[in-house]
Amino acid sequence: MDWDTALFHAVNEWAGRSAALDWLMRQCSSETNFIVLVAAFLVWRAWLDWRHGLLVTAVLGASVGAGDFIGTQIKSWIARPRPCHVLPDVHELAGCGKLFSLPSNHAVNAATVAALLGVLFPKTRWPLGVLVVLGGLSRVYLGAHYPTDVLAGWCLGGLLGAMVGYVIAKKPWLNL
């Protein structure tokens, strides 16, 4: 057994042992919860300065859409099956998802948001980083992804979000 599969089993075997931990991991994996938190932050930014808030919201939406598209294309190209499709005894708590696994688009999207906002608003790095790590861990815990799927998603999303964030931050007319 390779290290990726061994680490997957080590994390996933905890699934189903604690109702509280199962609930927490489902919440950490919920796109809706992450979207609500980011939307609340963006509304607050728009309230402080509507022009910057709208610009950041539009750029963030386009970046997440691009990251999701790129992640989906890479999945189709690599065609790695999800662990819940090929490994026996996977504790599957939130549905297996579609056929392919690498990269995790949850991880791509979360890392894109965290990196972009972290560049533009450095005080958000710590809380967003915690959310990204918990979200990635939850994808393995719930049986949907291998750890390397999550790591690849973090790398792709982090690069995309940071690049876009630095391009936006370097525009002197934005005054972010």
N, C-alpha and C. Protein backbone atom coordinates (compact mmCIF):
# COMPACT_ATOMS: atom_id res chain seq x y z
N MET A 1 0.85 -1.18 0.00
CA MET A 1 0.00 0.00 0.00
C MET A 1 0.90 1.25 0.00
N ASP A 2 0.60 2.20 -0.86
CA ASP A 2 1.39 3.42 -0.94
C ASP A 2 1.01 4.36 0.21
N TRP A 3 1.82 5.37 0.45
CA TRP A 3 1.60 6.28 1.58
C TRP A 3 0.30 7.06 1.45
N ASP A 4 -0.10 7.40 0.23
CA ASP A 4 -1.33 8.16 0.01
C ASP A 4 -2.55 7.34 0.44
N THR A 5 -2.57 6.08 0.05
CA THR A 5 -3.68 5.20 0.44
C THR A 5 -3.64 4.91 1.93
N ALA A 6 -2.45 4.73 2.48
CA ALA A 6 -2.33 4.48 3.92
C ALA A 6 -2.81 5.68 4.72
N LEU A 7 -2.44 6.89 4.29
CA LEU A 7 -2.90 8.09 4.99
C LEU A 7 -4.40 8.27 4.82
N PHE A 8 -4.91 7.96 3.63
CA PHE A 8 -6.36 8.01 3.41
C PHE A 8 -7.07 7.12 4.43
N HIS A 9 -6.62 5.88 4.55
CA HIS A 9 -7.26 4.94 5.50
C HIS A 9 -7.12 5.42 6.94
N ALA A 10 -5.97 5.98 7.29
CA ALA A 10 -5.76 6.46 8.66
C ALA A 10 -6.76 7.57 9.03
N VAL A 11 -7.03 8.46 8.09
CA VAL A 11 -7.99 9.55 8.34
C VAL A 11 -9.42 9.04 8.23
N ASN A 12 -9.70 8.29 7.18
CA ASN A 12 -11.06 7.84 6.92
C ASN A 12 -11.57 6.83 7.94
N GLU A 13 -10.69 6.08 8.59
CA GLU A 13 -11.15 5.07 9.54
C GLU A 13 -11.80 5.69 10.77
N TRP A 14 -11.56 6.97 11.00
CA TRP A 14 -12.21 7.65 12.13
C TRP A 14 -13.67 7.97 11.84
N ALA A 15 -14.04 7.97 10.56
CA ALA A 15 -15.42 8.28 10.18
C ALA A 15 -16.38 7.27 10.78
N GLY A 16 -17.47 7.76 11.30
CA GLY A 16 -18.50 6.90 11.87
C GLY A 16 -18.28 6.56 13.33
N ARG A 17 -17.17 6.96 13.90
CA ARG A 17 -16.90 6.64 15.31
C ARG A 17 -17.47 7.66 16.27
N SER A 18 -17.68 8.88 15.79
CA SER A 18 -18.19 9.95 16.64
C SER A 18 -19.20 10.76 15.85
N ALA A 19 -20.41 10.83 16.36
CA ALA A 19 -21.45 11.59 15.67
C ALA A 19 -21.07 13.07 15.58
N ALA A 20 -20.44 13.58 16.63
CA ALA A 20 -20.05 14.99 16.64
C ALA A 20 -18.98 15.27 15.58
N LEU A 21 -17.98 14.40 15.49
CA LEU A 21 -16.92 14.59 14.50
C LEU A 21 -17.46 14.39 13.08
N ASP A 22 -18.34 13.43 12.90
CA ASP A 22 -18.97 13.24 11.59
C ASP A 22 -19.72 14.50 11.17
N TRP A 23 -20.48 15.08 12.10
CA TRP A 23 -21.23 16.30 11.81
C TRP A 23 -20.27 17.44 11.46
N LEU A 24 -19.20 17.61 12.26
CA LEU A 24 -18.23 18.68 12.01
C LEU A 24 -17.60 18.52 10.63
N MET A 25 -17.20 17.32 10.27
CA MET A 25 -16.56 17.11 8.97
C MET A 25 -17.53 17.35 7.82
N ARG A 26 -18.80 17.00 8.00
CA ARG A 26 -19.79 17.33 6.96
C ARG A 26 -19.93 18.84 6.81
N GLN A 27 -19.91 19.56 7.93
CA GLN A 27 -20.02 21.02 7.88
C GLN A 27 -18.79 21.64 7.23
N CYS A 28 -17.61 21.10 7.53
CA CYS A 28 -16.37 21.61 6.94
C CYS A 28 -16.30 21.33 5.45
N SER A 29 -17.00 20.32 4.99
CA SER A 29 -16.99 19.96 3.58
C SER A 29 -18.12 20.64 2.80
N SER A 30 -19.01 21.31 3.49
CA SER A 30 -20.16 21.94 2.85
C SER A 30 -19.74 23.21 2.10
N GLU A 31 -19.93 23.19 0.81
CA GLU A 31 -19.64 24.38 0.01
C GLU A 31 -20.51 25.55 0.45
N THR A 32 -21.74 25.26 0.83
CA THR A 32 -22.67 26.31 1.25
C THR A 32 -22.15 27.07 2.46
N ASN A 33 -21.63 26.36 3.45
CA ASN A 33 -21.11 27.02 4.64
C ASN A 33 -19.94 27.94 4.30
N PHE A 34 -19.04 27.47 3.44
CA PHE A 34 -17.89 28.28 3.04
C PHE A 34 -18.35 29.50 2.26
N ILE A 35 -19.31 29.31 1.36
CA ILE A 35 -19.83 30.41 0.55
C ILE A 35 -20.48 31.46 1.45
N VAL A 36 -21.24 31.05 2.44
CA VAL A 36 -21.90 31.99 3.35
C VAL A 36 -20.86 32.83 4.10
N LEU A 37 -19.81 32.19 4.59
CA LEU A 37 -18.76 32.93 5.30
C LEU A 37 -18.05 33.93 4.39
N VAL A 38 -17.70 33.51 3.20
CA VAL A 38 -17.03 34.41 2.26
C VAL A 38 -17.99 35.53 1.82
N ALA A 39 -19.24 35.20 1.57
CA ALA A 39 -20.21 36.22 1.18
C ALA A 39 -20.40 37.26 2.29
N ALA A 40 -20.44 36.81 3.54
CA ALA A 40 -20.56 37.76 4.65
C ALA A 40 -19.36 38.70 4.68
N PHE A 41 -18.16 38.16 4.48
CA PHE A 41 -16.97 39.00 4.44
C PHE A 41 -17.05 39.99 3.29
N LEU A 42 -17.47 39.54 2.12
CA LEU A 42 -17.54 40.42 0.95
C LEU A 42 -18.62 41.49 1.13
N VAL A 43 -19.72 41.16 1.75
CA VAL A 43 -20.76 42.17 2.03
C VAL A 43 -20.19 43.22 2.97
N TRP A 44 -19.46 42.78 3.98
CA TRP A 44 -18.84 43.72 4.90
C TRP A 44 -17.86 44.64 4.17
N ARG A 45 -17.04 44.07 3.26
CA ARG A 45 -16.10 44.88 2.48
C ARG A 45 -16.85 45.86 1.59
N ALA A 46 -17.94 45.42 0.98
CA ALA A 46 -18.73 46.31 0.12
C ALA A 46 -19.36 47.42 0.95
N TRP A 47 -19.74 47.11 2.18
CA TRP A 47 -20.32 48.12 3.05
C TRP A 47 -19.26 49.17 3.41
N LEU A 48 -18.02 48.75 3.63
CA LEU A 48 -16.93 49.68 3.94
C LEU A 48 -16.59 50.54 2.73
N ASP A 49 -16.53 49.94 1.57
CA ASP A 49 -16.21 50.65 0.33
C ASP A 49 -16.83 49.85 -0.83
N TRP A 50 -17.98 50.28 -1.28
CA TRP A 50 -18.75 49.50 -2.24
C TRP A 50 -17.99 49.22 -3.53
N ARG A 51 -17.18 50.18 -4.00
CA ARG A 51 -16.44 49.98 -5.24
C ARG A 51 -15.44 48.83 -5.11
N HIS A 52 -14.66 48.85 -4.05
CA HIS A 52 -13.69 47.78 -3.82
C HIS A 52 -14.39 46.45 -3.54
N GLY A 53 -15.46 46.51 -2.77
CA GLY A 53 -16.20 45.29 -2.45
C GLY A 53 -16.75 44.61 -3.69
N LEU A 54 -17.33 45.40 -4.58
CA LEU A 54 -17.87 44.83 -5.82
C LEU A 54 -16.77 44.29 -6.72
N LEU A 55 -15.66 45.03 -6.81
CA LEU A 55 -14.55 44.58 -7.64
C LEU A 55 -13.98 43.27 -7.11
N VAL A 56 -13.73 43.20 -5.82
CA VAL A 56 -13.18 41.97 -5.23
C VAL A 56 -14.15 40.81 -5.41
N THR A 57 -15.44 41.07 -5.23
CA THR A 57 -16.44 40.02 -5.40
C THR A 57 -16.44 39.50 -6.83
N ALA A 58 -16.39 40.39 -7.80
CA ALA A 58 -16.39 39.97 -9.21
C ALA A 58 -15.12 39.19 -9.55
N VAL A 59 -13.97 39.69 -9.11
CA VAL A 59 -12.71 39.01 -9.39
C VAL A 59 -12.67 37.66 -8.70
N LEU A 60 -13.15 37.60 -7.47
CA LEU A 60 -13.17 36.34 -6.73
C LEU A 60 -14.08 35.32 -7.43
N GLY A 61 -15.27 35.75 -7.84
CA GLY A 61 -16.18 34.85 -8.55
C GLY A 61 -15.58 34.31 -9.84
N ALA A 62 -14.93 35.18 -10.60
CA ALA A 62 -14.31 34.75 -11.85
C ALA A 62 -13.14 33.80 -11.57
N SER A 63 -12.38 34.08 -10.52
CA SER A 63 -11.23 33.22 -10.19
C SER A 63 -11.68 31.84 -9.74
N VAL A 64 -12.70 31.78 -8.92
CA VAL A 64 -13.22 30.48 -8.47
C VAL A 64 -13.79 29.71 -9.66
N GLY A 65 -14.52 30.40 -10.51
CA GLY A 65 -15.05 29.75 -11.71
C GLY A 65 -13.94 29.19 -12.60
N ALA A 66 -12.87 29.97 -12.77
CA ALA A 66 -11.74 29.52 -13.58
C ALA A 66 -11.05 28.32 -12.92
N GLY A 67 -10.84 28.40 -11.60
CA GLY A 67 -10.21 27.30 -10.88
C GLY A 67 -11.03 26.03 -10.96
N ASP A 68 -12.34 26.16 -10.81
CA ASP A 68 -13.22 25.00 -10.88
C ASP A 68 -13.17 24.37 -12.28
N PHE A 69 -13.17 25.21 -13.30
CA PHE A 69 -13.08 24.72 -14.68
C PHE A 69 -11.76 24.00 -14.92
N ILE A 70 -10.65 24.62 -14.50
CA ILE A 70 -9.33 24.01 -14.68
C ILE A 70 -9.24 22.69 -13.92
N GLY A 71 -9.74 22.68 -12.68
CA GLY A 71 -9.72 21.44 -11.89
C GLY A 71 -10.50 20.33 -12.56
N THR A 72 -11.65 20.66 -13.12
CA THR A 72 -12.46 19.66 -13.81
C THR A 72 -11.75 19.12 -15.05
N GLN A 73 -11.08 20.00 -15.78
CA GLN A 73 -10.34 19.55 -16.96
C GLN A 73 -9.18 18.63 -16.58
N ILE A 74 -8.49 18.98 -15.50
CA ILE A 74 -7.38 18.14 -15.04
C ILE A 74 -7.92 16.78 -14.59
N LYS A 75 -9.07 16.77 -13.88
CA LYS A 75 -9.67 15.50 -13.46
C LYS A 75 -9.93 14.59 -14.65
N SER A 76 -10.50 15.16 -15.70
CA SER A 76 -10.81 14.37 -16.90
C SER A 76 -9.53 13.86 -17.57
N TRP A 77 -8.49 14.66 -17.53
CA TRP A 77 -7.23 14.29 -18.17
C TRP A 77 -6.51 13.19 -17.38
N ILE A 78 -6.44 13.35 -16.05
CA ILE A 78 -5.74 12.37 -15.21
C ILE A 78 -6.60 11.11 -15.01
N ALA A 79 -7.89 11.30 -14.84
CA ALA A 79 -8.86 10.20 -14.70
C ALA A 79 -8.54 9.25 -13.54
N ARG A 80 -8.17 9.80 -12.41
CA ARG A 80 -7.92 8.98 -11.21
C ARG A 80 -9.25 8.70 -10.51
N PRO A 81 -9.59 7.43 -10.31
CA PRO A 81 -10.85 7.12 -9.64
C PRO A 81 -10.82 7.54 -8.17
N ARG A 82 -11.98 7.87 -7.67
CA ARG A 82 -12.09 8.24 -6.25
C ARG A 82 -11.86 7.01 -5.38
N PRO A 83 -11.35 7.23 -4.17
CA PRO A 83 -11.10 6.08 -3.29
C PRO A 83 -12.38 5.30 -2.98
N CYS A 84 -13.49 5.99 -2.90
CA CYS A 84 -14.74 5.30 -2.58
C CYS A 84 -15.23 4.43 -3.73
N HIS A 85 -14.64 4.59 -4.91
CA HIS A 85 -14.98 3.73 -6.04
C HIS A 85 -14.07 2.51 -6.16
N VAL A 86 -12.88 2.58 -5.58
CA VAL A 86 -11.92 1.50 -5.81
C VAL A 86 -11.40 0.80 -4.56
N LEU A 87 -11.54 1.40 -3.41
CA LEU A 87 -11.03 0.79 -2.19
C LEU A 87 -12.15 0.12 -1.41
N PRO A 88 -11.88 -1.05 -0.87
CA PRO A 88 -12.90 -1.69 -0.02
C PRO A 88 -12.94 -1.02 1.35
N ASP A 89 -14.05 -1.11 2.00
CA ASP A 89 -14.22 -0.64 3.37
C ASP A 89 -14.00 0.85 3.57
N VAL A 90 -14.36 1.66 2.59
CA VAL A 90 -14.29 3.11 2.75
C VAL A 90 -15.52 3.57 3.53
N HIS A 91 -15.29 4.37 4.55
CA HIS A 91 -16.41 4.96 5.29
C HIS A 91 -16.86 6.19 4.50
N GLU A 92 -17.96 6.03 3.80
CA GLU A 92 -18.47 7.07 2.91
C GLU A 92 -19.64 7.76 3.61
N LEU A 93 -19.42 8.99 4.07
CA LEU A 93 -20.43 9.67 4.87
C LEU A 93 -21.20 10.76 4.13
N ALA A 94 -20.74 11.16 2.96
CA ALA A 94 -21.41 12.27 2.29
C ALA A 94 -21.57 12.03 0.80
N GLY A 95 -21.65 10.82 0.39
CA GLY A 95 -21.74 10.51 -1.04
C GLY A 95 -20.36 10.50 -1.65
N CYS A 96 -20.21 9.71 -2.66
CA CYS A 96 -18.88 9.51 -3.25
C CYS A 96 -18.53 10.59 -4.26
N GLY A 97 -19.48 11.19 -4.88
CA GLY A 97 -19.17 12.18 -5.89
C GLY A 97 -19.05 11.55 -7.26
N LYS A 98 -18.63 12.36 -8.20
CA LYS A 98 -18.49 11.88 -9.57
C LYS A 98 -17.30 10.93 -9.68
N LEU A 99 -17.02 10.51 -10.87
CA LEU A 99 -16.06 9.44 -11.09
C LEU A 99 -14.63 9.79 -10.71
N PHE A 100 -14.15 10.99 -11.05
CA PHE A 100 -12.73 11.27 -10.90
C PHE A 100 -12.41 12.12 -9.68
N SER A 101 -11.14 12.07 -9.28
CA SER A 101 -10.76 12.52 -7.96
C SER A 101 -9.67 13.59 -7.90
N LEU A 102 -8.73 13.59 -8.82
CA LEU A 102 -7.55 14.46 -8.73
C LEU A 102 -7.62 15.57 -9.74
N PRO A 103 -7.64 16.82 -9.28
CA PRO A 103 -7.58 17.35 -7.92
C PRO A 103 -8.97 17.47 -7.30
N SER A 104 -9.00 17.71 -6.00
CA SER A 104 -10.26 17.99 -5.32
C SER A 104 -10.68 19.41 -5.66
N ASN A 105 -11.83 19.55 -6.32
CA ASN A 105 -12.30 20.90 -6.65
C ASN A 105 -12.73 21.67 -5.40
N HIS A 106 -13.17 20.97 -4.35
CA HIS A 106 -13.42 21.66 -3.08
C HIS A 106 -12.14 22.37 -2.63
N ALA A 107 -11.02 21.64 -2.69
CA ALA A 107 -9.74 22.21 -2.27
C ALA A 107 -9.28 23.32 -3.21
N VAL A 108 -9.48 23.14 -4.50
CA VAL A 108 -9.11 24.19 -5.47
C VAL A 108 -9.87 25.47 -5.15
N ASN A 109 -11.18 25.36 -5.00
CA ASN A 109 -12.01 26.54 -4.78
C ASN A 109 -11.69 27.23 -3.46
N ALA A 110 -11.55 26.44 -2.40
CA ALA A 110 -11.26 27.03 -1.09
C ALA A 110 -9.89 27.70 -1.09
N ALA A 111 -8.89 27.07 -1.69
CA ALA A 111 -7.55 27.66 -1.72
C ALA A 111 -7.50 28.90 -2.61
N THR A 112 -8.28 28.92 -3.68
CA THR A 112 -8.35 30.11 -4.53
C THR A 112 -8.87 31.28 -3.73
N VAL A 113 -9.98 31.06 -3.03
CA VAL A 113 -10.57 32.12 -2.20
C VAL A 113 -9.58 32.58 -1.13
N ALA A 114 -9.01 31.62 -0.40
CA ALA A 114 -8.12 31.97 0.71
C ALA A 114 -6.88 32.71 0.23
N ALA A 115 -6.29 32.26 -0.87
CA ALA A 115 -5.07 32.92 -1.36
C ALA A 115 -5.37 34.32 -1.88
N LEU A 116 -6.44 34.45 -2.65
CA LEU A 116 -6.77 35.77 -3.21
C LEU A 116 -7.09 36.76 -2.08
N LEU A 117 -7.96 36.36 -1.18
CA LEU A 117 -8.32 37.26 -0.08
C LEU A 117 -7.13 37.47 0.86
N GLY A 118 -6.31 36.45 1.04
CA GLY A 118 -5.13 36.59 1.89
C GLY A 118 -4.13 37.59 1.36
N VAL A 119 -4.00 37.66 0.04
CA VAL A 119 -3.11 38.66 -0.56
C VAL A 119 -3.71 40.06 -0.40
N LEU A 120 -4.99 40.19 -0.68
CA LEU A 120 -5.63 41.52 -0.63
C LEU A 120 -5.89 41.99 0.80
N PHE A 121 -6.20 41.06 1.69
CA PHE A 121 -6.54 41.39 3.08
C PHE A 121 -5.75 40.46 4.00
N PRO A 122 -4.50 40.79 4.30
CA PRO A 122 -3.63 39.87 5.04
C PRO A 122 -4.19 39.39 6.38
N LYS A 123 -5.05 40.14 7.02
CA LYS A 123 -5.60 39.70 8.30
C LYS A 123 -6.53 38.51 8.17
N THR A 124 -6.94 38.18 6.95
CA THR A 124 -7.83 37.04 6.73
C THR A 124 -7.06 35.73 6.57
N ARG A 125 -5.75 35.78 6.48
CA ARG A 125 -4.96 34.57 6.19
C ARG A 125 -5.16 33.47 7.22
N TRP A 126 -5.07 33.80 8.47
CA TRP A 126 -5.16 32.79 9.52
C TRP A 126 -6.53 32.11 9.53
N PRO A 127 -7.64 32.87 9.64
CA PRO A 127 -8.94 32.16 9.68
C PRO A 127 -9.26 31.41 8.39
N LEU A 128 -8.91 31.99 7.25
CA LEU A 128 -9.18 31.28 5.99
C LEU A 128 -8.29 30.05 5.86
N GLY A 129 -7.07 30.13 6.33
CA GLY A 129 -6.17 28.98 6.30
C GLY A 129 -6.71 27.82 7.11
N VAL A 130 -7.26 28.12 8.27
CA VAL A 130 -7.86 27.07 9.12
C VAL A 130 -9.04 26.43 8.38
N LEU A 131 -9.88 27.26 7.76
CA LEU A 131 -11.03 26.73 7.03
C LEU A 131 -10.60 25.85 5.85
N VAL A 132 -9.56 26.27 5.15
CA VAL A 132 -9.06 25.49 4.02
C VAL A 132 -8.54 24.13 4.48
N VAL A 133 -7.76 24.12 5.56
CA VAL A 133 -7.22 22.85 6.07
C VAL A 133 -8.35 21.94 6.55
N LEU A 134 -9.29 22.48 7.30
CA LEU A 134 -10.41 21.65 7.77
C LEU A 134 -11.24 21.13 6.61
N GLY A 135 -11.47 21.96 5.61
CA GLY A 135 -12.21 21.52 4.43
C GLY A 135 -11.50 20.40 3.70
N GLY A 136 -10.20 20.51 3.53
CA GLY A 136 -9.43 19.46 2.86
C GLY A 136 -9.41 18.17 3.66
N LEU A 137 -9.20 18.29 4.96
CA LEU A 137 -9.22 17.12 5.83
C LEU A 137 -10.58 16.42 5.77
N SER A 138 -11.63 17.21 5.71
CA SER A 138 -12.98 16.63 5.67
C SER A 138 -13.22 15.82 4.41
N ARG A 139 -12.61 16.21 3.29
CA ARG A 139 -12.80 15.47 2.04
C ARG A 139 -12.21 14.07 2.14
N VAL A 140 -11.09 13.95 2.87
CA VAL A 140 -10.47 12.64 3.09
C VAL A 140 -11.28 11.87 4.13
N TYR A 141 -11.63 12.53 5.21
CA TYR A 141 -12.40 11.91 6.29
C TYR A 141 -13.71 11.32 5.76
N LEU A 142 -14.39 12.06 4.88
CA LEU A 142 -15.68 11.63 4.35
C LEU A 142 -15.57 10.57 3.25
N GLY A 143 -14.35 10.26 2.82
CA GLY A 143 -14.14 9.19 1.86
C GLY A 143 -14.18 9.61 0.40
N ALA A 144 -14.18 10.90 0.12
CA ALA A 144 -14.32 11.37 -1.26
C ALA A 144 -13.00 11.54 -1.99
N HIS A 145 -11.90 11.77 -1.25
CA HIS A 145 -10.61 12.07 -1.89
C HIS A 145 -9.44 11.47 -1.14
N TYR A 146 -8.38 11.19 -1.89
CA TYR A 146 -7.09 10.85 -1.31
C TYR A 146 -6.43 12.15 -0.82
N PRO A 147 -5.48 12.05 0.11
CA PRO A 147 -4.77 13.26 0.55
C PRO A 147 -4.07 14.01 -0.60
N THR A 148 -3.51 13.28 -1.56
CA THR A 148 -2.83 13.98 -2.67
C THR A 148 -3.82 14.72 -3.58
N ASP A 149 -5.07 14.28 -3.62
CA ASP A 149 -6.09 15.03 -4.37
C ASP A 149 -6.27 16.41 -3.74
N VAL A 150 -6.31 16.41 -2.42
CA VAL A 150 -6.50 17.66 -1.67
C VAL A 150 -5.25 18.54 -1.81
N LEU A 151 -4.08 17.95 -1.66
CA LEU A 151 -2.83 18.73 -1.81
C LEU A 151 -2.72 19.35 -3.21
N ALA A 152 -3.06 18.59 -4.22
CA ALA A 152 -3.03 19.11 -5.59
C ALA A 152 -4.03 20.26 -5.75
N GLY A 153 -5.20 20.11 -5.16
CA GLY A 153 -6.20 21.18 -5.20
C GLY A 153 -5.73 22.44 -4.50
N TRP A 154 -5.09 22.24 -3.34
CA TRP A 154 -4.55 23.41 -2.61
C TRP A 154 -3.49 24.12 -3.44
N CYS A 155 -2.61 23.35 -4.07
CA CYS A 155 -1.55 23.95 -4.87
C CYS A 155 -2.13 24.73 -6.06
N LEU A 156 -3.02 24.11 -6.79
CA LEU A 156 -3.63 24.76 -7.94
C LEU A 156 -4.40 26.01 -7.52
N GLY A 157 -5.27 25.88 -6.53
CA GLY A 157 -6.07 27.02 -6.08
C GLY A 157 -5.22 28.11 -5.44
N GLY A 158 -4.22 27.70 -4.67
CA GLY A 158 -3.35 28.68 -4.03
C GLY A 158 -2.57 29.49 -5.05
N LEU A 159 -2.04 28.83 -6.07
CA LEU A 159 -1.32 29.54 -7.12
C LEU A 159 -2.24 30.49 -7.89
N LEU A 160 -3.39 30.00 -8.25
CA LEU A 160 -4.34 30.82 -9.00
C LEU A 160 -4.77 32.03 -8.18
N GLY A 161 -5.20 31.79 -6.94
CA GLY A 161 -5.67 32.89 -6.09
C GLY A 161 -4.59 33.90 -5.78
N ALA A 162 -3.37 33.42 -5.50
CA ALA A 162 -2.27 34.34 -5.19
C ALA A 162 -1.89 35.17 -6.41
N MET A 163 -1.83 34.53 -7.58
CA MET A 163 -1.48 35.27 -8.80
C MET A 163 -2.50 36.37 -9.07
N VAL A 164 -3.77 36.03 -9.01
CA VAL A 164 -4.81 37.03 -9.26
C VAL A 164 -4.76 38.11 -8.19
N GLY A 165 -4.59 37.70 -6.94
CA GLY A 165 -4.52 38.67 -5.85
C GLY A 165 -3.37 39.65 -6.03
N TYR A 166 -2.19 39.15 -6.42
CA TYR A 166 -1.05 40.04 -6.61
C TYR A 166 -1.25 40.97 -7.80
N VAL A 167 -1.86 40.47 -8.86
CA VAL A 167 -2.15 41.34 -10.01
C VAL A 167 -3.10 42.47 -9.59
N ILE A 168 -4.14 42.13 -8.86
CA ILE A 168 -5.10 43.13 -8.41
C ILE A 168 -4.45 44.10 -7.42
N ALA A 169 -3.67 43.58 -6.51
CA ALA A 169 -3.04 44.42 -5.48
C ALA A 169 -2.04 45.40 -6.08
N LYS A 170 -1.45 45.09 -7.22
CA LYS A 170 -0.45 45.96 -7.84
C LYS A 170 -1.07 47.09 -8.67
N LYS A 171 -2.36 47.12 -8.79
CA LYS A 171 -3.02 48.19 -9.53
C LYS A 171 -3.14 49.41 -8.61
N PRO A 172 -2.41 50.48 -8.87
CA PRO A 172 -2.41 51.63 -7.96
C PRO A 172 -3.77 52.33 -7.85
N TRP A 173 -4.59 52.24 -8.86
CA TRP A 173 -5.87 52.90 -8.83
C TRP A 173 -6.88 52.19 -7.94
N LEU A 174 -6.57 50.97 -7.47
CA LEU A 174 -7.49 50.25 -6.60
C LEU A 174 -7.38 50.67 -5.14
N ASN A 175 -6.20 51.05 -4.72
CA ASN A 175 -5.97 51.46 -3.32
C ASN A 175 -6.49 50.42 -2.33
N LEU A 176 -6.23 49.16 -2.58
CA LEU A 176 -6.63 48.12 -1.64
C LEU A 176 -5.58 48.04 -0.61
